[in-house]
């Protein structure tokens, strides 16, 4: 596993903010903006978006209304995304700690 902190190419700050943009029928776009100098750092497109603590509605919007054929299947997908997100976050923090990078 390779883990990095997002860093501004202009000023080298790690203080960044995400701006989420949702458009009907398109993947969610994440624009990363430097909180220090205001420059664009990166743009990502997400096939799904899990927001910890918000419940399944936010996740369902990110995958699209037609992504699942049943409510039970949608809940299974959400629960797997939740578990994977929590574990992935823990793993990333542990790796940063092992490599003596800022957490």
C-alpha atoms as a PDB file:
ATOM      1  CA  UNK A   1       0.000   0.000   0.000  1.00  0.00           C
ATOM      2  CA  UNK A   2       1.224   3.460  -0.886  1.00  0.00           C
ATOM      3  CA  UNK A   3      -0.158   6.373   1.164  1.00  0.00           C
ATOM      4  CA  UNK A   4       0.396  10.077   0.568  1.00  0.00           C
ATOM      5  CA  UNK A   5      -0.900  13.328   2.011  1.00  0.00           C
ATOM      6  CA  UNK A   6      -2.302  15.633  -0.657  1.00  0.00           C
ATOM      7  CA  UNK A   7       0.037  18.611  -1.015  1.00  0.00           C
ATOM      8  CA  UNK A   8      -0.325  21.872  -2.937  1.00  0.00           C
ATOM      9  CA  UNK A   9       2.145  22.048  -5.799  1.00  0.00           C
ATOM     10  CA  UNK A  10       2.238  25.866  -5.579  1.00  0.00           C
ATOM     11  CA  UNK A  11       2.970  26.418  -1.860  1.00  0.00           C
ATOM     12  CA  UNK A  12       3.587  22.880  -0.509  1.00  0.00           C
ATOM     13  CA  UNK A  13       0.802  23.192   2.103  1.00  0.00           C
ATOM     14  CA  UNK A  14      -1.054  20.065   3.225  1.00  0.00           C
ATOM     15  CA  UNK A  15      -4.029  22.195   4.327  1.00  0.00           C
ATOM     16  CA  UNK A  16      -6.497  21.402   1.547  1.00  0.00           C
ATOM     17  CA  UNK A  17     -10.287  21.475   1.149  1.00  0.00           C
ATOM     18  CA  UNK A  18     -12.534  19.283  -0.981  1.00  0.00           C
ATOM     19  CA  UNK A  19     -15.279  20.776  -3.128  1.00  0.00           C
ATOM     20  CA  UNK A  20     -17.825  18.163  -4.249  1.00  0.00           C
ATOM     21  CA  UNK A  21     -19.762  18.657  -7.472  1.00  0.00           C
ATOM     22  CA  UNK A  22     -22.672  16.382  -8.371  1.00  0.00           C
ATOM     23  CA  UNK A  23     -24.291  16.518 -11.814  1.00  0.00           C
ATOM     24  CA  UNK A  24     -27.153  14.291 -12.884  1.00  0.00           C
ATOM     25  CA  UNK A  25     -25.853  11.239 -14.745  1.00  0.00           C
ATOM     26  CA  UNK A  26     -22.168  11.991 -14.104  1.00  0.00           C
ATOM     27  CA  UNK A  27     -19.722  10.764 -11.452  1.00  0.00           C
ATOM     28  CA  UNK A  28     -19.213  13.035  -8.462  1.00  0.00           C
ATOM     29  CA  UNK A  29     -16.250  15.352  -9.054  1.00  0.00           C
ATOM     30  CA  UNK A  30     -13.968  16.350  -6.197  1.00  0.00           C
ATOM     31  CA  UNK A  31     -11.953  19.511  -6.662  1.00  0.00           C
ATOM     32  CA  UNK A  32      -9.164  19.832  -4.102  1.00  0.00           C
ATOM     33  CA  UNK A  33      -8.329  23.444  -3.259  1.00  0.00           C
ATOM     34  CA  UNK A  34      -5.381  24.651  -1.213  1.00  0.00           C
ATOM     35  CA  UNK A  35      -6.683  26.378   1.927  1.00  0.00           C
ATOM     36  CA  UNK A  36      -3.436  28.331   2.163  1.00  0.00           C
ATOM     37  CA  UNK A  37      -3.073  29.898  -1.311  1.00  0.00           C
ATOM     38  CA  UNK A  38      -6.397  28.979  -2.966  1.00  0.00           C
ATOM     39  CA  UNK A  39      -4.895  27.120  -5.942  1.00  0.00           C
ATOM     40  CA  UNK A  40      -6.414  24.027  -7.530  1.00  0.00           C
ATOM     41  CA  UNK A  41      -4.471  21.011  -6.271  1.00  0.00           C
ATOM     42  CA  UNK A  42      -6.287  18.121  -7.965  1.00  0.00           C
ATOM     43  CA  UNK A  43      -9.554  16.857  -9.405  1.00  0.00           C
ATOM     44  CA  UNK A  44     -10.938  13.365  -8.866  1.00  0.00           C
ATOM     45  CA  UNK A  45     -14.043  11.650 -10.221  1.00  0.00           C
ATOM     46  CA  UNK A  46     -15.755   9.149  -7.973  1.00  0.00           C
ATOM     47  CA  UNK A  47     -17.779   6.119  -8.976  1.00  0.00           C
ATOM     48  CA  UNK A  48     -19.186   6.060  -5.462  1.00  0.00           C
ATOM     49  CA  UNK A  49     -18.928   8.336  -2.458  1.00  0.00           C
ATOM     50  CA  UNK A  50     -19.190   7.218   1.149  1.00  0.00           C
ATOM     51  CA  UNK A  51     -19.652  10.034   3.665  1.00  0.00           C
ATOM     52  CA  UNK A  52     -19.038   8.654   7.153  1.00  0.00           C
ATOM     53  CA  UNK A  53     -21.852   9.440   9.561  1.00  0.00           C
ATOM     54  CA  UNK A  54     -24.421  10.522   6.957  1.00  0.00           C
ATOM     55  CA  UNK A  55     -26.176   7.214   6.426  1.00  0.00           C
ATOM     56  CA  UNK A  56     -27.019   5.492   3.175  1.00  0.00           C
ATOM     57  CA  UNK A  57     -28.895   8.302   1.375  1.00  0.00           C
ATOM     58  CA  UNK A  58     -25.724  10.210   0.471  1.00  0.00           C
ATOM     59  CA  UNK A  59     -24.121   6.995  -0.786  1.00  0.00           C
ATOM     60  CA  UNK A  60     -27.157   6.030  -2.866  1.00  0.00           C
ATOM     61  CA  UNK A  61     -27.104   9.425  -4.586  1.00  0.00           C
ATOM     62  CA  UNK A  62     -23.455   8.922  -5.491  1.00  0.00           C
ATOM     63  CA  UNK A  63     -23.996   5.523  -7.134  1.00  0.00           C
ATOM     64  CA  UNK A  64     -27.164   6.568  -8.957  1.00  0.00           C
ATOM     65  CA  UNK A  65     -30.758   5.582  -8.412  1.00  0.00           C
ATOM     66  CA  UNK A  66     -30.632   2.688 -10.904  1.00  0.00           C
ATOM     67  CA  UNK A  67     -27.480   1.027  -9.567  1.00  0.00           C
ATOM     68  CA  UNK A  68     -29.327  -1.604  -7.515  1.00  0.00           C
ATOM     69  CA  UNK A  69     -32.224  -3.865  -8.315  1.00  0.00           C
ATOM     70  CA  UNK A  70     -33.479  -4.024  -4.722  1.00  0.00           C
ATOM     71  CA  UNK A  71     -33.352  -2.147  -1.448  1.00  0.00           C
ATOM     72  CA  UNK A  72     -31.701  -5.114   0.253  1.00  0.00           C
ATOM     73  CA  UNK A  73     -28.926  -5.168  -2.373  1.00  0.00           C
ATOM     74  CA  UNK A  74     -28.449  -1.398  -2.062  1.00  0.00           C
ATOM     75  CA  UNK A  75     -28.081  -1.727   1.721  1.00  0.00           C
ATOM     76  CA  UNK A  76     -25.530  -4.542   1.282  1.00  0.00           C
ATOM     77  CA  UNK A  77     -23.475  -2.348  -1.071  1.00  0.00           C
ATOM     78  CA  UNK A  78     -23.684   0.580   1.367  1.00  0.00           C
ATOM     79  CA  UNK A  79     -22.645  -1.540   4.353  1.00  0.00           C
ATOM     80  CA  UNK A  80     -19.676  -2.952   2.426  1.00  0.00           C
ATOM     81  CA  UNK A  81     -18.613   0.579   1.399  1.00  0.00           C
ATOM     82  CA  UNK A  82     -18.916   1.700   5.026  1.00  0.00           C
ATOM     83  CA  UNK A  83     -16.813  -1.184   6.368  1.00  0.00           C
ATOM     84  CA  UNK A  84     -14.222  -0.812   3.587  1.00  0.00           C
ATOM     85  CA  UNK A  85     -14.002   2.947   4.195  1.00  0.00           C
ATOM     86  CA  UNK A  86     -13.472   2.601   7.937  1.00  0.00           C
ATOM     87  CA  UNK A  87     -10.824  -0.092   7.507  1.00  0.00           C
ATOM     88  CA  UNK A  88      -9.110   1.707   4.626  1.00  0.00           C
ATOM     89  CA  UNK A  89      -8.909   4.885   6.705  1.00  0.00           C
ATOM     90  CA  UNK A  90      -7.360   2.997   9.625  1.00  0.00           C
ATOM     91  CA  UNK A  91      -4.870   1.297   7.299  1.00  0.00           C
ATOM     92  CA  UNK A  92      -3.886   4.608   5.688  1.00  0.00           C
ATOM     93  CA  UNK A  93      -3.330   6.296   9.067  1.00  0.00           C
ATOM     94  CA  UNK A  94      -1.254   3.355  10.258  1.00  0.00           C
ATOM     95  CA  UNK A  95       0.903   3.466   7.129  1.00  0.00           C
ATOM     96  CA  UNK A  96       1.449   7.212   7.527  1.00  0.00           C
ATOM     97  CA  UNK A  97       2.447   6.623  11.146  1.00  0.00           C
ATOM     98  CA  UNK A  98       4.869   3.839  10.139  1.00  0.00           C
ATOM     99  CA  UNK A  99       6.491   6.117   7.555  1.00  0.00           C
ATOM    100  CA  UNK A 100       6.672   9.005  10.049  1.00  0.00           C
ATOM    101  CA  UNK A 101       4.548  11.207   7.819  1.00  0.00           C
ATOM    102  CA  UNK A 102       2.180  13.834   9.194  1.00  0.00           C
ATOM    103  CA  UNK A 103      -1.179  12.409  10.190  1.00  0.00           C
END
